[in-house]
């Protein structure tokens, strides 16, 4: 049995190219617009590391950080995270 009262940040397996060329988590509409998921996408998702899946979600989960940590983020932190993810995760994630 898994306790449900414990918070666990989400993991993301599919990314979408952002306006600045960076990567952000892909939602259902981006996945559908990108042609859906095929067998190769599923295999790539199955081979992802937990670390990479958490890195993919960072632009969503950073908002949950304590205020002292969030204060360290610049005004363009979302773009910065998206750009970093593009270089760190290139070739290791499903892109739609």
PDB file of N, CA and C in Angstrom:
ATOM      1  N   UNK A   1       0.837  -1.180   0.000  1.00  0.00           N
ATOM      2  CA  UNK A   1       0.000   0.000   0.000  1.00  0.00           C
ATOM      3  C   UNK A   1       0.885   1.248   0.000  1.00  0.00           C
ATOM      4  N   UNK A   2       0.510   2.217  -0.802  1.00  0.00           N
ATOM      5  CA  UNK A   2       1.265   3.465  -0.908  1.00  0.00           C
ATOM      6  C   UNK A   2       0.486   4.567  -0.220  1.00  0.00           C
ATOM      7  N   UNK A   3       1.108   5.280   0.734  1.00  0.00           N
ATOM      8  CA  UNK A   3       0.395   6.381   1.394  1.00  0.00           C
ATOM      9  C   UNK A   3       0.106   7.502   0.395  1.00  0.00           C
ATOM     10  N   UNK A   4      -1.099   7.999   0.410  1.00  0.00           N
ATOM     11  CA  UNK A   4      -1.477   9.058  -0.534  1.00  0.00           C
ATOM     12  C   UNK A   4      -1.379  10.446   0.073  1.00  0.00           C
ATOM     13  N   UNK A   5      -1.058  10.537   1.342  1.00  0.00           N
ATOM     14  CA  UNK A   5      -0.942  11.844   1.987  1.00  0.00           C
ATOM     15  C   UNK A   5       0.441  12.453   1.783  1.00  0.00           C
ATOM     16  N   UNK A   6       1.349  11.718   1.151  1.00  0.00           N
ATOM     17  CA  UNK A   6       2.708  12.189   0.928  1.00  0.00           C
ATOM     18  C   UNK A   6       2.777  12.812  -0.456  1.00  0.00           C
ATOM     19  N   UNK A   7       3.362  14.000  -0.539  1.00  0.00           N
ATOM     20  CA  UNK A   7       3.493  14.689  -1.821  1.00  0.00           C
ATOM     21  C   UNK A   7       4.683  14.136  -2.592  1.00  0.00           C
ATOM     22  N   UNK A   8       4.485  13.852  -3.852  1.00  0.00           N
ATOM     23  CA  UNK A   8       5.559  13.442  -4.745  1.00  0.00           C
ATOM     24  C   UNK A   8       5.447  14.287  -5.996  1.00  0.00           C
ATOM     25  N   UNK A   9       6.503  15.012  -6.323  1.00  0.00           N
ATOM     26  CA  UNK A   9       6.447  15.864  -7.507  1.00  0.00           C
ATOM     27  C   UNK A   9       6.250  15.005  -8.741  1.00  0.00           C
ATOM     28  N   UNK A  10       5.631  15.600  -9.736  1.00  0.00           N
ATOM     29  CA  UNK A  10       5.327  14.866 -10.955  1.00  0.00           C
ATOM     30  C   UNK A  10       6.556  14.597 -11.791  1.00  0.00           C
ATOM     31  N   UNK A  11       6.433  13.577 -12.614  1.00  0.00           N
ATOM     32  CA  UNK A  11       7.476  13.262 -13.574  1.00  0.00           C
ATOM     33  C   UNK A  11       6.860  13.408 -14.961  1.00  0.00           C
ATOM     34  N   UNK A  12       7.614  13.967 -15.872  1.00  0.00           N
ATOM     35  CA  UNK A  12       7.137  14.236 -17.220  1.00  0.00           C
ATOM     36  C   UNK A  12       7.977  13.420 -18.196  1.00  0.00           C
ATOM     37  N   UNK A  13       7.319  12.830 -19.179  1.00  0.00           N
ATOM     38  CA  UNK A  13       8.039  12.015 -20.158  1.00  0.00           C
ATOM     39  C   UNK A  13       7.963  12.577 -21.569  1.00  0.00           C
ATOM     40  N   UNK A  14       7.137  13.601 -21.783  1.00  0.00           N
ATOM     41  CA  UNK A  14       6.975  14.180 -23.121  1.00  0.00           C
ATOM     42  C   UNK A  14       7.142  15.691 -23.016  1.00  0.00           C
ATOM     43  N   UNK A  15       7.976  16.242 -23.894  1.00  0.00           N
ATOM     44  CA  UNK A  15       8.253  17.673 -23.887  1.00  0.00           C
ATOM     45  C   UNK A  15       7.794  18.303 -25.201  1.00  0.00           C
ATOM     46  N   UNK A  16       7.714  19.635 -25.175  1.00  0.00           N
ATOM     47  CA  UNK A  16       7.280  20.428 -26.321  1.00  0.00           C
ATOM     48  C   UNK A  16       8.280  21.570 -26.495  1.00  0.00           C
ATOM     49  N   UNK A  17       8.588  21.916 -27.741  1.00  0.00           N
ATOM     50  CA  UNK A  17       9.528  23.007 -27.998  1.00  0.00           C
ATOM     51  C   UNK A  17       8.869  24.339 -27.682  1.00  0.00           C
ATOM     52  N   UNK A  18       9.487  25.143 -26.827  1.00  0.00           N
ATOM     53  CA  UNK A  18       8.988  26.441 -26.383  1.00  0.00           C
ATOM     54  C   UNK A  18       9.413  27.505 -27.376  1.00  0.00           C
ATOM     55  N   UNK A  19       8.837  28.689 -27.288  1.00  0.00           N
ATOM     56  CA  UNK A  19       9.107  29.775 -28.232  1.00  0.00           C
ATOM     57  C   UNK A  19      10.573  30.176 -28.312  1.00  0.00           C
ATOM     58  N   UNK A  20      11.321  29.994 -27.232  1.00  0.00           N
ATOM     59  CA  UNK A  20      12.736  30.381 -27.233  1.00  0.00           C
ATOM     60  C   UNK A  20      13.646  29.231 -27.661  1.00  0.00           C
ATOM     61  N   UNK A  21      13.047  28.124 -28.090  1.00  0.00           N
ATOM     62  CA  UNK A  21      13.830  26.954 -28.480  1.00  0.00           C
ATOM     63  C   UNK A  21      14.041  25.976 -27.351  1.00  0.00           C
ATOM     64  N   UNK A  22      13.655  26.376 -26.139  1.00  0.00           N
ATOM     65  CA  UNK A  22      13.779  25.493 -24.987  1.00  0.00           C
ATOM     66  C   UNK A  22      12.680  24.452 -24.965  1.00  0.00           C
ATOM     67  N   UNK A  23      12.697  23.610 -23.952  1.00  0.00           N
ATOM     68  CA  UNK A  23      11.706  22.550 -23.814  1.00  0.00           C
ATOM     69  C   UNK A  23      10.863  22.742 -22.567  1.00  0.00           C
ATOM     70  N   UNK A  24       9.557  22.545 -22.724  1.00  0.00           N
ATOM     71  CA  UNK A  24       8.606  22.609 -21.615  1.00  0.00           C
ATOM     72  C   UNK A  24       7.752  21.342 -21.656  1.00  0.00           C
ATOM     73  N   UNK A  25       7.126  20.983 -20.536  1.00  0.00           N
ATOM     74  CA  UNK A  25       6.277  19.800 -20.537  1.00  0.00           C
ATOM     75  C   UNK A  25       5.167  19.901 -21.583  1.00  0.00           C
ATOM     76  N   UNK A  26       4.926  18.801 -22.272  1.00  0.00           N
ATOM     77  CA  UNK A  26       3.859  18.747 -23.271  1.00  0.00           C
ATOM     78  C   UNK A  26       2.581  18.256 -22.608  1.00  0.00           C
ATOM     79  N   UNK A  27       1.494  18.935 -22.906  1.00  0.00           N
ATOM     80  CA  UNK A  27       0.183  18.503 -22.439  1.00  0.00           C
ATOM     81  C   UNK A  27      -0.489  17.649 -23.507  1.00  0.00           C
ATOM     82  N   UNK A  28      -1.696  17.186 -23.224  1.00  0.00           N
ATOM     83  CA  UNK A  28      -2.408  16.326 -24.175  1.00  0.00           C
ATOM     84  C   UNK A  28      -2.590  16.970 -25.547  1.00  0.00           C
ATOM     85  N   UNK A  29      -2.874  18.268 -25.595  1.00  0.00           N
ATOM     86  CA  UNK A  29      -3.075  18.923 -26.892  1.00  0.00           C
ATOM     87  C   UNK A  29      -1.794  18.950 -27.715  1.00  0.00           C
ATOM     88  N   UNK A  30      -0.655  19.220 -27.075  1.00  0.00           N
ATOM     89  CA  UNK A  30       0.623  19.206 -27.797  1.00  0.00           C
ATOM     90  C   UNK A  30       0.945  17.802 -28.296  1.00  0.00           C
ATOM     91  N   UNK A  31       0.633  16.799 -27.479  1.00  0.00           N
ATOM     92  CA  UNK A  31       0.895  15.424 -27.897  1.00  0.00           C
ATOM     93  C   UNK A  31       0.025  15.046 -29.100  1.00  0.00           C
ATOM     94  N   UNK A  32      -1.253  15.416 -29.053  1.00  0.00           N
ATOM     95  CA  UNK A  32      -2.153  15.125 -30.169  1.00  0.00           C
ATOM     96  C   UNK A  32      -1.695  15.877 -31.417  1.00  0.00           C
ATOM     97  N   UNK A  33      -1.390  17.168 -31.266  1.00  0.00           N
ATOM     98  CA  UNK A  33      -0.940  17.975 -32.402  1.00  0.00           C
ATOM     99  C   UNK A  33       0.382  17.452 -32.971  1.00  0.00           C
ATOM    100  N   UNK A  34       1.181  16.825 -32.135  1.00  0.00           N
ATOM    101  CA  UNK A  34       2.462  16.264 -32.568  1.00  0.00           C
ATOM    102  C   UNK A  34       2.344  14.871 -33.146  1.00  0.00           C
ATOM    103  N   UNK A  35       1.122  14.411 -33.385  1.00  0.00           N
ATOM    104  CA  UNK A  35       0.936  13.103 -34.008  1.00  0.00           C
ATOM    105  C   UNK A  35       0.680  11.969 -33.036  1.00  0.00           C
ATOM    106  N   UNK A  36       0.475  12.291 -31.774  1.00  0.00           N
ATOM    107  CA  UNK A  36       0.231  11.238 -30.788  1.00  0.00           C
ATOM    108  C   UNK A  36       1.515  10.513 -30.426  1.00  0.00           C
ATOM    109  N   UNK A  37       1.381   9.477 -29.646  1.00  0.00           N
ATOM    110  CA  UNK A  37       2.534   8.687 -29.213  1.00  0.00           C
ATOM    111  C   UNK A  37       2.562   7.377 -29.991  1.00  0.00           C
ATOM    112  N   UNK A  38       3.708   7.047 -30.565  1.00  0.00           N
ATOM    113  CA  UNK A  38       3.839   5.779 -31.274  1.00  0.00           C
ATOM    114  C   UNK A  38       4.694   4.818 -30.434  1.00  0.00           C
ATOM    115  N   UNK A  39       4.951   3.633 -30.970  1.00  0.00           N
ATOM    116  CA  UNK A  39       5.700   2.630 -30.212  1.00  0.00           C
ATOM    117  C   UNK A  39       7.107   3.100 -29.864  1.00  0.00           C
ATOM    118  N   UNK A  40       7.747   3.829 -30.769  1.00  0.00           N
ATOM    119  CA  UNK A  40       9.093   4.340 -30.485  1.00  0.00           C
ATOM    120  C   UNK A  40       9.056   5.337 -29.328  1.00  0.00           C
ATOM    121  N   UNK A  41       8.019   6.175 -29.288  1.00  0.00           N
ATOM    122  CA  UNK A  41       7.866   7.124 -28.177  1.00  0.00           C
ATOM    123  C   UNK A  41       7.700   6.375 -26.860  1.00  0.00           C
ATOM    124  N   UNK A  42       6.871   5.347 -26.855  1.00  0.00           N
ATOM    125  CA  UNK A  42       6.637   4.563 -25.635  1.00  0.00           C
ATOM    126  C   UNK A  42       7.932   3.907 -25.176  1.00  0.00           C
ATOM    127  N   UNK A  43       8.701   3.339 -26.105  1.00  0.00           N
ATOM    128  CA  UNK A  43       9.987   2.714 -25.732  1.00  0.00           C
ATOM    129  C   UNK A  43      10.943   3.753 -25.139  1.00  0.00           C
ATOM    130  N   UNK A  44      10.986   4.935 -25.736  1.00  0.00           N
ATOM    131  CA  UNK A  44      11.875   5.986 -25.207  1.00  0.00           C
ATOM    132  C   UNK A  44      11.426   6.378 -23.804  1.00  0.00           C
ATOM    133  N   UNK A  45      10.120   6.515 -23.594  1.00  0.00           N
ATOM    134  CA  UNK A  45       9.600   6.869 -22.269  1.00  0.00           C
ATOM    135  C   UNK A  45       9.951   5.789 -21.249  1.00  0.00           C
ATOM    136  N   UNK A  46       9.878   4.533 -21.647  1.00  0.00           N
ATOM    137  CA  UNK A  46      10.192   3.430 -20.739  1.00  0.00           C
ATOM    138  C   UNK A  46      11.669   3.399 -20.357  1.00  0.00           C
ATOM    139  N   UNK A  47      12.518   3.948 -21.214  1.00  0.00           N
ATOM    140  CA  UNK A  47      13.955   3.909 -20.929  1.00  0.00           C
ATOM    141  C   UNK A  47      14.457   5.176 -20.240  1.00  0.00           C
ATOM    142  N   UNK A  48      13.569   6.132 -20.000  1.00  0.00           N
ATOM    143  CA  UNK A  48      13.975   7.373 -19.326  1.00  0.00           C
ATOM    144  C   UNK A  48      14.386   7.110 -17.890  1.00  0.00           C
ATOM    145  N   UNK A  49      15.347   7.874 -17.435  1.00  0.00           N
ATOM    146  CA  UNK A  49      15.716   7.789 -16.018  1.00  0.00           C
ATOM    147  C   UNK A  49      14.727   8.639 -15.204  1.00  0.00           C
ATOM    148  N   UNK A  50      14.618   8.331 -13.937  1.00  0.00           N
ATOM    149  CA  UNK A  50      13.771   9.114 -13.043  1.00  0.00           C
ATOM    150  C   UNK A  50      14.302  10.545 -12.970  1.00  0.00           C
ATOM    151  N   UNK A  51      15.624  10.695 -12.964  1.00  0.00           N
ATOM    152  CA  UNK A  51      16.224  12.037 -12.920  1.00  0.00           C
ATOM    153  C   UNK A  51      15.779  12.860 -14.131  1.00  0.00           C
ATOM    154  N   UNK A  52      15.836  12.281 -15.335  1.00  0.00           N
ATOM    155  CA  UNK A  52      15.419  13.006 -16.530  1.00  0.00           C
ATOM    156  C   UNK A  52      13.933  13.367 -16.468  1.00  0.00           C
ATOM    157  N   UNK A  53      13.103  12.464 -15.979  1.00  0.00           N
ATOM    158  CA  UNK A  53      11.666  12.742 -15.868  1.00  0.00           C
ATOM    159  C   UNK A  53      11.398  13.889 -14.897  1.00  0.00           C
ATOM    160  N   UNK A  54      12.170  13.961 -13.829  1.00  0.00           N
ATOM    161  CA  UNK A  54      12.027  15.081 -12.893  1.00  0.00           C
ATOM    162  C   UNK A  54      12.564  16.375 -13.490  1.00  0.00           C
ATOM    163  N   UNK A  55      13.646  16.298 -14.259  1.00  0.00           N
ATOM    164  CA  UNK A  55      14.168  17.486 -14.932  1.00  0.00           C
ATOM    165  C   UNK A  55      13.123  18.034 -15.911  1.00  0.00           C
ATOM    166  N   UNK A  56      12.443  17.142 -16.606  1.00  0.00           N
ATOM    167  CA  UNK A  56      11.393  17.564 -17.540  1.00  0.00           C
ATOM    168  C   UNK A  56      10.297  18.339 -16.816  1.00  0.00           C
ATOM    169  N   UNK A  57      10.012  17.965 -15.588  1.00  0.00           N
ATOM    170  CA  UNK A  57       8.923  18.584 -14.821  1.00  0.00           C
ATOM    171  C   UNK A  57       9.351  19.823 -14.055  1.00  0.00           C
ATOM    172  N   UNK A  58      10.622  20.148 -14.067  1.00  0.00           N
ATOM    173  CA  UNK A  58      11.124  21.219 -13.208  1.00  0.00           C
ATOM    174  C   UNK A  58      10.407  22.548 -13.410  1.00  0.00           C
ATOM    175  N   UNK A  59      10.055  22.884 -14.640  1.00  0.00           N
ATOM    176  CA  UNK A  59       9.383  24.174 -14.856  1.00  0.00           C
ATOM    177  C   UNK A  59       8.002  24.206 -14.215  1.00  0.00           C
ATOM    178  N   UNK A  60       7.438  23.041 -13.922  1.00  0.00           N
ATOM    179  CA  UNK A  60       6.154  22.976 -13.223  1.00  0.00           C
ATOM    180  C   UNK A  60       6.343  22.894 -11.715  1.00  0.00           C
ATOM    181  N   UNK A  61       7.311  22.089 -11.275  1.00  0.00           N
ATOM    182  CA  UNK A  61       7.462  21.830  -9.845  1.00  0.00           C
ATOM    183  C   UNK A  61       8.252  22.898  -9.098  1.00  0.00           C
ATOM    184  N   UNK A  62       9.024  23.722  -9.810  1.00  0.00           N
ATOM    185  CA  UNK A  62       9.805  24.766  -9.137  1.00  0.00           C
ATOM    186  C   UNK A  62       8.887  25.740  -8.389  1.00  0.00           C
ATOM    187  N   UNK A  63       7.653  25.843  -8.845  1.00  0.00           N
ATOM    188  CA  UNK A  63       6.688  26.721  -8.180  1.00  0.00           C
ATOM    189  C   UNK A  63       6.337  26.233  -6.777  1.00  0.00           C
ATOM    190  N   UNK A  64       6.619  24.952  -6.503  1.00  0.00           N
ATOM    191  CA  UNK A  64       6.339  24.372  -5.192  1.00  0.00           C
ATOM    192  C   UNK A  64       7.501  24.530  -4.215  1.00  0.00           C
ATOM    193  N   UNK A  65       8.628  25.089  -4.651  1.00  0.00           N
ATOM    194  CA  UNK A  65       9.790  25.258  -3.789  1.00  0.00           C
ATOM    195  C   UNK A  65       9.482  26.262  -2.679  1.00  0.00           C
ATOM    196  N   UNK A  66      10.212  26.180  -1.587  1.00  0.00           N
ATOM    197  CA  UNK A  66      10.033  27.165  -0.510  1.00  0.00           C
ATOM    198  C   UNK A  66      10.321  28.580  -1.027  1.00  0.00           C
ATOM    199  N   UNK A  67       9.704  29.590  -0.428  1.00  0.00           N
ATOM    200  CA  UNK A  67       9.895  30.980  -0.876  1.00  0.00           C
ATOM    201  C   UNK A  67      11.352  31.405  -0.960  1.00  0.00           C
ATOM    202  N   UNK A  68      12.193  30.963  -0.037  1.00  0.00           N
ATOM    203  CA  UNK A  68      13.607  31.369  -0.059  1.00  0.00           C
ATOM    204  C   UNK A  68      14.299  30.879  -1.329  1.00  0.00           C
ATOM    205  N   UNK A  69      13.936  29.713  -1.802  1.00  0.00           N
ATOM    206  CA  UNK A  69      14.519  29.174  -3.029  1.00  0.00           C
ATOM    207  C   UNK A  69      13.954  29.915  -4.232  1.00  0.00           C
ATOM    208  N   UNK A  70      12.648  30.161  -4.231  1.00  0.00           N
ATOM    209  CA  UNK A  70      12.022  30.858  -5.358  1.00  0.00           C
ATOM    210  C   UNK A  70      12.592  32.268  -5.532  1.00  0.00           C
ATOM    211  N   UNK A  71      13.025  32.897  -4.449  1.00  0.00           N
ATOM    212  CA  UNK A  71      13.592  34.242  -4.536  1.00  0.00           C
ATOM    213  C   UNK A  71      14.897  34.251  -5.331  1.00  0.00           C
ATOM    214  N   UNK A  72      15.557  33.118  -5.420  1.00  0.00           N
ATOM    215  CA  UNK A  72      16.799  33.024  -6.181  1.00  0.00           C
ATOM    216  C   UNK A  72      16.548  32.996  -7.689  1.00  0.00           C
ATOM    217  N   UNK A  73      15.310  32.739  -8.083  1.00  0.00           N
ATOM    218  CA  UNK A  73      14.971  32.649  -9.499  1.00  0.00           C
ATOM    219  C   UNK A  73      14.848  34.039 -10.102  1.00  0.00           C
ATOM    220  N   UNK A  74      15.416  34.206 -11.273  1.00  0.00           N
ATOM    221  CA  UNK A  74      15.310  35.488 -11.972  1.00  0.00           C
ATOM    222  C   UNK A  74      13.915  35.626 -12.571  1.00  0.00           C
ATOM    223  N   UNK A  75      13.613  36.795 -13.097  1.00  0.00           N
ATOM    224  CA  UNK A  75      12.319  37.017 -13.728  1.00  0.00           C
ATOM    225  C   UNK A  75      12.104  36.144 -14.956  1.00  0.00           C
ATOM    226  N   UNK A  76      13.181  35.662 -15.549  1.00  0.00           N
ATOM    227  CA  UNK A  76      13.068  34.821 -16.743  1.00  0.00           C
ATOM    228  C   UNK A  76      13.366  33.356 -16.437  1.00  0.00           C
ATOM    229  N   UNK A  77      13.124  32.938 -15.202  1.00  0.00           N
ATOM    230  CA  UNK A  77      13.498  31.583 -14.810  1.00  0.00           C
ATOM    231  C   UNK A  77      12.845  30.513 -15.672  1.00  0.00           C
ATOM    232  N   UNK A  78      11.591  30.734 -16.119  1.00  0.00           N
ATOM    233  CA  UNK A  78      10.933  29.717 -16.954  1.00  0.00           C
ATOM    234  C   UNK A  78      11.693  29.526 -18.262  1.00  0.00           C
ATOM    235  N   UNK A  79      12.078  30.619 -18.897  1.00  0.00           N
ATOM    236  CA  UNK A  79      12.860  30.521 -20.127  1.00  0.00           C
ATOM    237  C   UNK A  79      14.215  29.866 -19.862  1.00  0.00           C
ATOM    238  N   UNK A  80      14.835  30.218 -18.738  1.00  0.00           N
ATOM    239  CA  UNK A  80      16.135  29.646 -18.390  1.00  0.00           C
ATOM    240  C   UNK A  80      16.038  28.132 -18.209  1.00  0.00           C
ATOM    241  N   UNK A  81      15.009  27.669 -17.492  1.00  0.00           N
ATOM    242  CA  UNK A  81      14.817  26.234 -17.271  1.00  0.00           C
ATOM    243  C   UNK A  81      14.544  25.539 -18.603  1.00  0.00           C
ATOM    244  N   UNK A  82      13.706  26.147 -19.449  1.00  0.00           N
ATOM    245  CA  UNK A  82      13.385  25.556 -20.758  1.00  0.00           C
ATOM    246  C   UNK A  82      14.640  25.424 -21.615  1.00  0.00           C
ATOM    247  N   UNK A  83      15.492  26.463 -21.624  1.00  0.00           N
ATOM    248  CA  UNK A  83      16.728  26.418 -22.404  1.00  0.00           C
ATOM    249  C   UNK A  83      17.694  25.368 -21.851  1.00  0.00           C
ATOM    250  N   UNK A  84      17.817  25.314 -20.518  1.00  0.00           N
ATOM    251  CA  UNK A  84      18.690  24.310 -19.906  1.00  0.00           C
ATOM    252  C   UNK A  84      18.201  22.898 -20.224  1.00  0.00           C
ATOM    253  N   UNK A  85      16.891  22.690 -20.139  1.00  0.00           N
ATOM    254  CA  UNK A  85      16.349  21.365 -20.450  1.00  0.00           C
ATOM    255  C   UNK A  85      16.615  20.983 -21.902  1.00  0.00           C
ATOM    256  N   UNK A  86      16.581  21.958 -22.806  1.00  0.00           N
ATOM    257  CA  UNK A  86      16.850  21.660 -24.213  1.00  0.00           C
ATOM    258  C   UNK A  86      18.265  21.110 -24.390  1.00  0.00           C
ATOM    259  N   UNK A  87      19.220  21.689 -23.676  1.00  0.00           N
ATOM    260  CA  UNK A  87      20.600  21.203 -23.829  1.00  0.00           C
ATOM    261  C   UNK A  87      20.855  19.948 -23.001  1.00  0.00           C
ATOM    262  N   UNK A  88      20.254  19.851 -21.830  1.00  0.00           N
ATOM    263  CA  UNK A  88      20.499  18.701 -20.958  1.00  0.00           C
ATOM    264  C   UNK A  88      19.783  17.428 -21.408  1.00  0.00           C
ATOM    265  N   UNK A  89      18.603  17.573 -22.004  1.00  0.00           N
ATOM    266  CA  UNK A  89      17.775  16.407 -22.300  1.00  0.00           C
ATOM    267  C   UNK A  89      17.683  16.074 -23.787  1.00  0.00           C
ATOM    268  N   UNK A  90      18.408  16.803 -24.607  1.00  0.00           N
ATOM    269  CA  UNK A  90      18.352  16.582 -26.050  1.00  0.00           C
ATOM    270  C   UNK A  90      18.641  15.131 -26.397  1.00  0.00           C
ATOM    271  N   UNK A  91      17.737  14.537 -27.162  1.00  0.00           N
ATOM    272  CA  UNK A  91      17.900  13.152 -27.596  1.00  0.00           C
ATOM    273  C   UNK A  91      17.496  12.111 -26.583  1.00  0.00           C
ATOM    274  N   UNK A  92      17.084  12.530 -25.389  1.00  0.00           N
ATOM    275  CA  UNK A  92      16.743  11.560 -24.335  1.00  0.00           C
ATOM    276  C   UNK A  92      15.277  11.581 -23.963  1.00  0.00           C
ATOM    277  N   UNK A  93      14.498  12.440 -24.596  1.00  0.00           N
ATOM    278  CA  UNK A  93      13.082  12.584 -24.242  1.00  0.00           C
ATOM    279  C   UNK A  93      12.221  12.482 -25.492  1.00  0.00           C
ATOM    280  N   UNK A  94      10.932  12.287 -25.280  1.00  0.00           N
ATOM    281  CA  UNK A  94       9.971  12.322 -26.383  1.00  0.00           C
ATOM    282  C   UNK A  94       9.615  13.779 -26.619  1.00  0.00           C
ATOM    283  N   UNK A  95       9.725  14.218 -27.847  1.00  0.00           N
ATOM    284  CA  UNK A  95       9.461  15.605 -28.209  1.00  0.00           C
ATOM    285  C   UNK A  95       8.258  15.660 -29.137  1.00  0.00           C
ATOM    286  N   UNK A  96       7.248  16.438 -28.746  1.00  0.00           N
ATOM    287  CA  UNK A  96       6.032  16.594 -29.564  1.00  0.00           C
ATOM    288  C   UNK A  96       5.748  18.049 -29.786  1.00  0.00           C
TER     289      UNK A  96
END
